Amino acid sequence: NKENGFNGFVNGMLYISKAFFPKSTIEILDQSETSIKFRIVFVPEFIKSFPNYNVTFDEYFEFWNGITVIIGEYMGAEYTQELKGDTLYVTIMKK
């Protein structure tokens, strides 16, 4: 919902992250009125599940990034992510 803007996008991303990755740890690293940085530490069984879907862990998160960047732009935010091993680092900034 575009009317929810940046705050709606941030809250939605945190909610979706917990729903999509239920056993993972989500930690907010930094937060202000105009940005948030958080990380998602994935459990090994989640990472090992991707060959069942004929994609790699990295390929899935390339896809995740592509979709999320577009939604973020629509909602008035800039979304960036960096995957390091079993951890996804996310930064969302208000435009």
Protein backbone atom coordinates (compact mmCIF):
# COMPACT_ATOMS: atom_id res chain seq x y z
CA ASN A 1 0.00 0.00 0.00
CA LYS A 2 1.85 3.09 -1.27
CA GLU A 3 0.13 5.37 1.26
CA ASN A 4 2.02 3.59 4.06
CA GLY A 5 5.29 4.81 2.51
CA PHE A 6 8.69 4.24 4.06
CA ASN A 7 7.42 3.14 7.49
CA GLY A 8 5.02 0.68 5.92
CA PHE A 9 7.77 -0.74 3.74
CA VAL A 10 10.14 -1.17 6.71
CA ASN A 11 7.46 -2.81 8.89
CA GLY A 12 6.40 -5.00 5.98
CA MET A 13 9.96 -6.15 5.30
CA LEU A 14 10.52 -7.07 8.95
CA TYR A 15 7.21 -8.95 9.05
CA ILE A 16 7.84 -10.76 5.76
CA SER A 17 11.37 -11.64 6.81
CA LYS A 18 10.09 -13.30 9.97
CA ALA A 19 7.31 -15.07 8.06
CA PHE A 20 9.58 -16.32 5.22
CA PHE A 21 12.50 -17.23 7.50
CA PRO A 22 10.80 -18.30 10.77
CA LYS A 23 13.74 -20.04 12.42
CA SER A 24 16.22 -17.33 11.48
CA THR A 25 17.46 -14.61 13.81
CA ILE A 26 16.58 -11.04 12.85
CA GLU A 27 18.50 -8.27 14.58
CA ILE A 28 18.10 -4.52 14.08
CA LEU A 29 21.59 -3.05 13.96
CA ASP A 30 20.72 0.64 13.55
CA GLN A 31 17.47 2.60 13.19
CA SER A 32 16.46 6.22 12.71
CA GLU A 33 13.53 8.15 11.26
CA THR A 34 15.03 7.81 7.78
CA SER A 35 16.83 4.46 7.75
CA ILE A 36 17.12 1.00 9.22
CA LYS A 37 19.86 -1.60 9.09
CA PHE A 38 19.18 -5.17 10.11
CA ARG A 39 20.54 -8.62 9.57
CA ILE A 40 19.00 -12.02 9.16
CA VAL A 41 21.07 -15.01 10.24
CA PHE A 42 19.77 -18.12 8.51
CA VAL A 43 19.72 -21.57 10.06
CA PRO A 44 21.66 -24.31 8.22
CA GLU A 45 18.58 -26.36 7.31
CA PHE A 46 17.12 -23.33 5.49
CA ILE A 47 20.30 -22.87 3.46
CA LYS A 48 20.45 -26.59 2.62
CA SER A 49 16.85 -26.63 1.31
CA PHE A 50 17.47 -24.71 -1.94
CA PRO A 51 18.64 -27.61 -4.13
CA ASN A 52 15.13 -29.04 -3.60
CA TYR A 53 13.85 -26.05 -5.60
CA ASN A 54 16.55 -26.27 -8.28
CA VAL A 55 18.12 -22.94 -7.27
CA THR A 56 21.09 -21.98 -5.15
CA PHE A 57 20.92 -19.93 -1.98
CA ASP A 58 22.68 -17.06 -3.80
CA GLU A 59 20.30 -17.23 -6.79
CA TYR A 60 17.28 -17.02 -4.48
CA PHE A 61 18.60 -13.86 -2.87
CA GLU A 62 19.40 -12.28 -6.23
CA PHE A 63 15.71 -12.83 -7.06
CA TRP A 64 14.64 -11.53 -3.61
CA ASN A 65 16.73 -8.38 -4.14
CA GLY A 66 15.31 -7.73 -7.61
CA ILE A 67 11.73 -7.78 -6.40
CA THR A 68 12.36 -5.91 -3.17
CA VAL A 69 14.24 -3.03 -4.83
CA ILE A 70 11.27 -2.38 -7.12
CA ILE A 71 8.76 -2.49 -4.26
CA GLY A 72 10.98 -0.23 -2.16
CA GLU A 73 11.18 2.37 -4.92
CA TYR A 74 7.40 2.32 -5.23
CA MET A 75 7.10 2.83 -1.45
CA GLY A 76 9.61 5.71 -1.35
CA ALA A 77 12.58 3.75 -0.05
CA GLU A 78 15.97 2.56 -1.24
CA TYR A 79 16.58 -1.12 -0.44
CA THR A 80 20.04 -2.68 -0.48
CA GLN A 81 21.22 -6.07 0.71
CA GLU A 82 24.49 -7.94 1.06
CA LEU A 83 24.69 -11.68 1.56
CA LYS A 84 27.72 -12.82 3.56
CA GLY A 85 27.78 -16.54 4.24
CA ASP A 86 24.67 -17.41 6.24
CA THR A 87 23.76 -13.77 6.95
CA LEU A 88 21.79 -11.24 4.91
CA TYR A 89 22.52 -7.59 5.76
CA VAL A 90 19.72 -5.20 4.79
CA THR A 91 19.70 -1.40 4.63
CA ILE A 92 16.53 0.56 3.89
CA MET A 93 16.73 4.33 3.48
CA LYS A 94 13.93 6.83 3.02
CA LYS A 95 14.04 8.67 -0.32
